[in-house]
Every structure is written in structure tokens, then in C-alpha cells.
């Protein structure tokens, strides 16, 4: 999914998505949504977050979380880029990108480890 985003980023006029830090942020959120989908739909886990439980109950599958998280992270990155052009403060932009990576990767890694160890 990250590779697809890198390829289409010039087409949607978001070429900055090709940077390593944004690619890793996208990867971390996609990892979280994929592991949530696999755990809930295929392995019978339950999701403890109300929003993540609500959407699959409406659509019947947790796969809806994958495009939703991809759209969400791309919108957040878009806002970060627009804000950084006005402020000219790149340190703050990279700090927010690091926060996004930690949030996505921590949840995705937790889900993945739970599935690997059968917890």
C-alpha cells in the first residue's frame, strides 16, 4: 500500500508523500488497519475501541478500516504540509510526523504480536 501511495502521489499533487518519514507514517497506519482487519475478521478478536468497532458493524467487515486509515493519514499529512509552509518550522513538522509513526506503529505492532503469540 505504501508503494502504491508513492506511485500515485505525483498524480494527486502530493509528491511530498514520497519522503521517507511520511512513507513510514503511512506504513505504520496501514499496518495497524491491516492487523485490525485480520484479527477481527479472520481470527475472531474483538476490538476495544468504539469507533473501530462501530464501522465494521455497519459495513460487515473490518476491511473498511484500511482505506479509511489511509485517507485519514493522508489528510493529516496534507495539513502538516500546509501548516509548515506558513510557519517555515520543519522541526515541528517532523515531530508531528514522528508522533504519527509512534501512534500507528505501536497499535499495529501490538496487534501483530498478539496474533503471533495467540494472546
N, C-alpha and C. Protein backbone atom coordinates (compact mmCIF):
# COMPACT_ATOMS: atom_id res chain seq x y z
N UNK A 1 0.83 -1.19 0.00
CA UNK A 1 0.00 0.00 0.00
C UNK A 1 0.87 1.26 0.00
N UNK A 2 1.96 1.21 0.75
CA UNK A 2 2.85 2.37 0.78
C UNK A 2 3.46 2.62 -0.59
N UNK A 3 3.82 1.56 -1.29
CA UNK A 3 4.35 1.69 -2.63
C UNK A 3 3.34 2.27 -3.61
N UNK A 4 2.08 1.88 -3.45
CA UNK A 4 1.03 2.44 -4.30
C UNK A 4 0.88 3.93 -4.05
N UNK A 5 0.92 4.32 -2.79
CA UNK A 5 0.81 5.75 -2.45
C UNK A 5 1.99 6.52 -3.04
N UNK A 6 3.19 5.94 -2.98
CA UNK A 6 4.37 6.60 -3.55
C UNK A 6 4.22 6.80 -5.06
N UNK A 7 3.62 5.82 -5.73
CA UNK A 7 3.47 5.92 -7.18
C UNK A 7 2.40 6.92 -7.60
N UNK A 8 1.32 7.01 -6.83
CA UNK A 8 0.24 7.91 -7.23
C UNK A 8 0.39 9.32 -6.66
N UNK A 9 1.35 9.51 -5.76
CA UNK A 9 1.49 10.82 -5.12
C UNK A 9 1.73 11.97 -6.09
N UNK A 10 2.54 11.83 -7.14
CA UNK A 10 2.66 12.95 -8.09
C UNK A 10 1.36 13.22 -8.85
N UNK A 11 0.60 12.17 -9.10
CA UNK A 11 -0.65 12.33 -9.84
C UNK A 11 -1.67 13.13 -9.03
N UNK A 12 -1.72 12.90 -7.72
CA UNK A 12 -2.67 13.62 -6.87
C UNK A 12 -2.06 14.89 -6.28
N UNK A 13 -0.92 15.27 -6.84
CA UNK A 13 -0.22 16.51 -6.46
C UNK A 13 0.15 16.54 -4.97
N UNK A 14 0.61 15.40 -4.48
CA UNK A 14 1.10 15.28 -3.11
C UNK A 14 2.46 14.58 -3.15
N UNK A 15 3.39 15.12 -3.93
CA UNK A 15 4.69 14.48 -4.14
C UNK A 15 5.48 14.35 -2.84
N UNK A 16 5.18 15.16 -1.84
CA UNK A 16 5.89 15.06 -0.56
C UNK A 16 5.59 13.75 0.16
N UNK A 17 4.59 13.00 -0.28
CA UNK A 17 4.31 11.70 0.32
C UNK A 17 5.42 10.69 0.02
N UNK A 18 6.27 11.02 -0.92
CA UNK A 18 7.39 10.14 -1.28
C UNK A 18 8.54 10.20 -0.27
N UNK A 19 8.50 11.16 0.65
CA UNK A 19 9.59 11.26 1.63
C UNK A 19 9.56 10.06 2.57
N UNK A 20 10.70 9.74 3.12
CA UNK A 20 10.82 8.56 3.97
C UNK A 20 9.98 8.66 5.22
N UNK A 21 9.95 9.82 5.84
CA UNK A 21 9.23 9.94 7.10
C UNK A 21 7.73 9.80 6.89
N UNK A 22 7.22 10.38 5.80
CA UNK A 22 5.79 10.24 5.53
C UNK A 22 5.45 8.83 5.06
N UNK A 23 6.34 8.21 4.31
CA UNK A 23 6.11 6.82 3.89
C UNK A 23 6.04 5.90 5.10
N UNK A 24 6.89 6.15 6.07
CA UNK A 24 6.87 5.33 7.28
C UNK A 24 5.62 5.58 8.10
N UNK A 25 5.15 6.82 8.14
CA UNK A 25 3.91 7.13 8.84
C UNK A 25 2.73 6.43 8.16
N UNK A 26 2.70 6.44 6.84
CA UNK A 26 1.64 5.75 6.10
C UNK A 26 1.73 4.25 6.35
N UNK A 27 2.94 3.70 6.30
CA UNK A 27 3.12 2.27 6.57
C UNK A 27 2.61 1.90 7.96
N UNK A 28 2.91 2.72 8.96
CA UNK A 28 2.51 2.37 10.32
C UNK A 28 1.00 2.37 10.47
N UNK A 29 0.30 3.33 9.85
CA UNK A 29 -1.15 3.34 9.94
C UNK A 29 -1.78 2.20 9.14
N UNK A 30 -1.20 1.87 7.99
CA UNK A 30 -1.72 0.75 7.20
C UNK A 30 -1.47 -0.57 7.93
N UNK A 31 -0.32 -0.69 8.60
CA UNK A 31 -0.05 -1.88 9.40
C UNK A 31 -1.11 -2.05 10.48
N UNK A 32 -1.45 -0.96 11.14
CA UNK A 32 -2.48 -1.02 12.18
C UNK A 32 -3.81 -1.45 11.60
N UNK A 33 -4.21 -0.88 10.49
CA UNK A 33 -5.52 -1.22 9.93
C UNK A 33 -5.55 -2.65 9.39
N UNK A 34 -4.46 -3.10 8.77
CA UNK A 34 -4.41 -4.48 8.27
C UNK A 34 -4.45 -5.48 9.42
N UNK A 35 -3.68 -5.24 10.46
CA UNK A 35 -3.68 -6.18 11.58
C UNK A 35 -5.02 -6.17 12.31
N UNK A 36 -5.66 -5.02 12.37
CA UNK A 36 -7.00 -4.97 12.97
C UNK A 36 -7.99 -5.76 12.13
N UNK A 37 -7.92 -5.58 10.83
CA UNK A 37 -8.81 -6.32 9.92
C UNK A 37 -8.60 -7.82 10.05
N UNK A 38 -7.35 -8.26 10.00
CA UNK A 38 -7.07 -9.70 10.08
C UNK A 38 -7.49 -10.26 11.43
N UNK A 39 -7.18 -9.54 12.49
CA UNK A 39 -7.52 -10.02 13.82
C UNK A 39 -9.02 -10.11 14.06
N UNK A 40 -9.74 -9.10 13.64
CA UNK A 40 -11.18 -9.06 13.91
C UNK A 40 -11.95 -9.97 12.95
N UNK A 41 -11.67 -9.87 11.66
CA UNK A 41 -12.46 -10.63 10.68
C UNK A 41 -12.05 -12.09 10.57
N UNK A 42 -10.76 -12.36 10.60
CA UNK A 42 -10.30 -13.71 10.31
C UNK A 42 -9.98 -14.53 11.55
N UNK A 43 -9.55 -13.88 12.63
CA UNK A 43 -9.13 -14.64 13.80
C UNK A 43 -10.08 -14.53 14.99
N UNK A 44 -11.12 -13.73 14.86
CA UNK A 44 -12.14 -13.67 15.91
C UNK A 44 -11.83 -12.78 17.09
N UNK A 45 -10.86 -11.90 16.97
CA UNK A 45 -10.58 -10.96 18.05
C UNK A 45 -11.67 -9.91 18.10
N UNK A 46 -11.80 -9.26 19.23
CA UNK A 46 -12.74 -8.14 19.34
C UNK A 46 -11.94 -6.85 19.48
N UNK A 47 -12.49 -5.81 18.94
CA UNK A 47 -11.84 -4.51 19.00
C UNK A 47 -12.38 -3.74 20.19
N UNK A 48 -11.49 -3.15 20.96
CA UNK A 48 -11.90 -2.45 22.18
C UNK A 48 -12.20 -0.99 21.96
N UNK A 49 -11.81 -0.46 20.80
CA UNK A 49 -12.06 0.95 20.51
C UNK A 49 -13.45 1.10 19.89
N UNK A 50 -14.28 1.99 20.42
CA UNK A 50 -15.66 2.10 19.94
C UNK A 50 -15.77 2.46 18.46
N UNK A 51 -14.96 3.39 17.98
CA UNK A 51 -15.06 3.80 16.58
C UNK A 51 -14.64 2.67 15.66
N UNK A 52 -13.58 1.97 16.02
CA UNK A 52 -13.10 0.86 15.19
C UNK A 52 -14.05 -0.33 15.24
N UNK A 53 -14.88 -0.41 16.26
CA UNK A 53 -15.88 -1.48 16.33
C UNK A 53 -17.16 -1.08 15.62
N UNK A 54 -17.46 0.21 15.62
CA UNK A 54 -18.70 0.70 15.03
C UNK A 54 -18.72 0.56 13.52
N UNK A 55 -17.65 0.97 12.85
CA UNK A 55 -17.62 0.93 11.39
C UNK A 55 -17.72 -0.49 10.83
N UNK A 56 -16.95 -1.46 11.35
CA UNK A 56 -17.11 -2.82 10.82
C UNK A 56 -18.50 -3.40 11.08
N UNK A 57 -19.16 -2.97 12.14
CA UNK A 57 -20.52 -3.48 12.39
C UNK A 57 -21.50 -2.94 11.35
N UNK A 58 -21.24 -1.73 10.84
CA UNK A 58 -22.11 -1.16 9.81
C UNK A 58 -21.83 -1.81 8.46
N UNK A 59 -20.56 -1.92 8.09
CA UNK A 59 -20.20 -2.42 6.77
C UNK A 59 -20.06 -3.94 6.71
N UNK A 60 -20.01 -4.59 7.85
CA UNK A 60 -19.93 -6.04 7.88
C UNK A 60 -18.53 -6.61 7.78
N UNK A 61 -17.53 -5.76 7.64
CA UNK A 61 -16.15 -6.22 7.56
C UNK A 61 -15.21 -5.15 8.11
N UNK A 62 -14.11 -5.60 8.62
CA UNK A 62 -13.10 -4.67 9.12
C UNK A 62 -12.22 -4.11 8.02
N UNK A 63 -12.41 -4.58 6.80
CA UNK A 63 -11.61 -4.09 5.67
C UNK A 63 -11.87 -2.61 5.40
N UNK A 64 -12.98 -2.10 5.87
CA UNK A 64 -13.29 -0.68 5.68
C UNK A 64 -12.28 0.20 6.40
N UNK A 65 -11.61 -0.33 7.41
CA UNK A 65 -10.63 0.44 8.16
C UNK A 65 -9.38 0.74 7.35
N UNK A 66 -9.06 -0.09 6.36
CA UNK A 66 -7.85 0.09 5.57
C UNK A 66 -7.92 1.37 4.74
N UNK A 67 -8.92 1.54 3.87
CA UNK A 67 -8.97 2.81 3.12
C UNK A 67 -9.24 4.01 4.01
N UNK A 68 -10.00 3.80 5.08
CA UNK A 68 -10.29 4.91 5.98
C UNK A 68 -9.03 5.42 6.67
N UNK A 69 -8.19 4.51 7.14
CA UNK A 69 -6.95 4.95 7.79
C UNK A 69 -5.98 5.56 6.78
N UNK A 70 -5.98 5.04 5.55
CA UNK A 70 -5.13 5.61 4.51
C UNK A 70 -5.56 7.04 4.18
N UNK A 71 -6.84 7.26 4.05
CA UNK A 71 -7.36 8.61 3.79
C UNK A 71 -7.06 9.53 4.97
N UNK A 72 -7.24 9.03 6.18
CA UNK A 72 -7.01 9.83 7.38
C UNK A 72 -5.55 10.28 7.48
N UNK A 73 -4.61 9.36 7.28
CA UNK A 73 -3.20 9.72 7.40
C UNK A 73 -2.79 10.67 6.29
N UNK A 74 -3.35 10.50 5.10
CA UNK A 74 -3.01 11.41 4.01
C UNK A 74 -3.56 12.81 4.26
N UNK A 75 -4.74 12.91 4.85
CA UNK A 75 -5.28 14.22 5.21
C UNK A 75 -4.45 14.90 6.30
N UNK A 76 -4.02 14.13 7.28
CA UNK A 76 -3.18 14.69 8.35
C UNK A 76 -1.86 15.19 7.77
N UNK A 77 -1.26 14.42 6.88
CA UNK A 77 -0.01 14.84 6.25
C UNK A 77 -0.24 16.09 5.40
N UNK A 78 -1.36 16.15 4.71
CA UNK A 78 -1.69 17.34 3.92
C UNK A 78 -1.76 18.58 4.82
N UNK A 79 -2.41 18.46 5.96
CA UNK A 79 -2.50 19.59 6.89
C UNK A 79 -1.13 19.95 7.46
N UNK A 80 -0.30 18.94 7.73
CA UNK A 80 1.05 19.22 8.21
C UNK A 80 1.85 19.99 7.17
N UNK A 81 1.74 19.60 5.93
CA UNK A 81 2.48 20.29 4.87
C UNK A 81 1.99 21.71 4.66
N UNK A 82 0.68 21.91 4.69
CA UNK A 82 0.15 23.27 4.53
C UNK A 82 0.56 24.15 5.69
N UNK A 83 0.54 23.61 6.89
CA UNK A 83 0.91 24.38 8.07
C UNK A 83 2.40 24.70 8.07
N UNK A 84 3.23 23.77 7.61
CA UNK A 84 4.67 24.00 7.64
C UNK A 84 5.11 25.02 6.59
N UNK A 85 4.34 25.17 5.52
CA UNK A 85 4.68 26.18 4.53
C UNK A 85 4.47 27.59 5.06
N UNK A 86 3.50 27.72 5.96
CA UNK A 86 3.23 29.04 6.55
C UNK A 86 4.22 29.38 7.66
N UNK A 87 4.62 28.39 8.43
CA UNK A 87 5.47 28.63 9.60
C UNK A 87 6.96 28.57 9.29
N UNK A 88 7.35 27.82 8.30
CA UNK A 88 8.76 27.58 7.97
C UNK A 88 9.51 26.90 9.11
N UNK A 89 8.80 26.15 9.94
CA UNK A 89 9.42 25.43 11.05
C UNK A 89 9.35 23.94 10.76
N UNK A 90 10.44 23.39 10.24
CA UNK A 90 10.46 21.98 9.85
C UNK A 90 10.59 21.05 11.05
N UNK A 91 11.18 21.53 12.14
CA UNK A 91 11.33 20.67 13.31
C UNK A 91 9.98 20.25 13.87
N UNK A 92 9.05 21.18 13.92
CA UNK A 92 7.72 20.87 14.44
C UNK A 92 7.00 19.88 13.53
N UNK A 93 7.16 20.04 12.22
CA UNK A 93 6.54 19.14 11.26
C UNK A 93 7.07 17.72 11.44
N UNK A 94 8.38 17.59 11.61
CA UNK A 94 8.97 16.27 11.79
C UNK A 94 8.60 15.66 13.15
N UNK A 95 8.40 16.49 14.15
CA UNK A 95 7.96 15.97 15.45
C UNK A 95 6.55 15.40 15.34
N UNK A 96 5.67 16.10 14.63
CA UNK A 96 4.31 15.60 14.43
C UNK A 96 4.32 14.32 13.59
N UNK A 97 5.18 14.26 12.61
CA UNK A 97 5.28 13.04 11.80
C UNK A 97 5.79 11.88 12.65
N UNK A 98 6.72 12.14 13.55
CA UNK A 98 7.20 11.11 14.46
C UNK A 98 6.10 10.63 15.39
N UNK A 99 5.27 11.55 15.85
CA UNK A 99 4.13 11.17 16.70
C UNK A 99 3.18 10.26 15.93
N UNK A 100 2.93 10.58 14.66
CA UNK A 100 2.07 9.73 13.84
C UNK A 100 2.66 8.34 13.68
N UNK A 101 3.96 8.27 13.47
CA UNK A 101 4.62 6.97 13.33
C UNK A 101 4.48 6.15 14.60
N UNK A 102 4.72 6.77 15.73
CA UNK A 102 4.63 6.06 17.01
C UNK A 102 3.21 5.58 17.27
N UNK A 103 2.22 6.42 16.99
CA UNK A 103 0.83 6.02 17.21
C UNK A 103 0.44 4.83 16.34
N UNK A 104 0.73 4.91 15.07
CA UNK A 104 0.35 3.83 14.17
C UNK A 104 1.14 2.56 14.41
N UNK A 105 2.44 2.70 14.59
CA UNK A 105 3.30 1.52 14.76
C UNK A 105 3.05 0.82 16.10
N UNK A 106 2.77 1.58 17.13
CA UNK A 106 2.54 0.94 18.43
C UNK A 106 1.28 0.08 18.40
N UNK A 107 0.22 0.59 17.80
CA UNK A 107 -1.01 -0.20 17.74
C UNK A 107 -0.87 -1.37 16.77
N UNK A 108 -0.23 -1.13 15.63
CA UNK A 108 -0.04 -2.20 14.66
C UNK A 108 0.87 -3.31 15.18
N UNK A 109 1.96 -2.92 15.84
CA UNK A 109 2.87 -3.92 16.40
C UNK A 109 2.20 -4.71 17.53
N UNK A 110 1.41 -4.02 18.34
CA UNK A 110 0.69 -4.71 19.42
C UNK A 110 -0.25 -5.75 18.84
N UNK A 111 -1.03 -5.36 17.82
CA UNK A 111 -1.96 -6.31 17.19
C UNK A 111 -1.21 -7.48 16.57
N UNK A 112 -0.12 -7.18 15.89
CA UNK A 112 0.65 -8.23 15.24
C UNK A 112 1.24 -9.20 16.26
N UNK A 113 1.80 -8.68 17.33
CA UNK A 113 2.37 -9.56 18.36
C UNK A 113 1.29 -10.38 19.07
N UNK A 114 0.13 -9.79 19.27
CA UNK A 114 -0.97 -10.56 19.88
C UNK A 114 -1.36 -11.73 19.01
N UNK A 115 -1.39 -11.51 17.70
CA UNK A 115 -1.75 -12.60 16.79
C UNK A 115 -0.65 -13.65 16.70
N UNK A 116 0.59 -13.21 16.70
CA UNK A 116 1.71 -14.16 16.62
C UNK A 116 1.75 -15.06 17.85
N UNK A 117 1.57 -14.46 19.03
CA UNK A 117 1.66 -15.24 20.27
C UNK A 117 0.32 -15.85 20.68
N UNK A 118 -0.74 -15.56 19.95
CA UNK A 118 -2.04 -16.18 20.24
C UNK A 118 -2.67 -15.70 21.52
N UNK A 119 -2.44 -14.47 21.86
CA UNK A 119 -3.00 -13.91 23.10
C UNK A 119 -4.40 -13.46 22.86
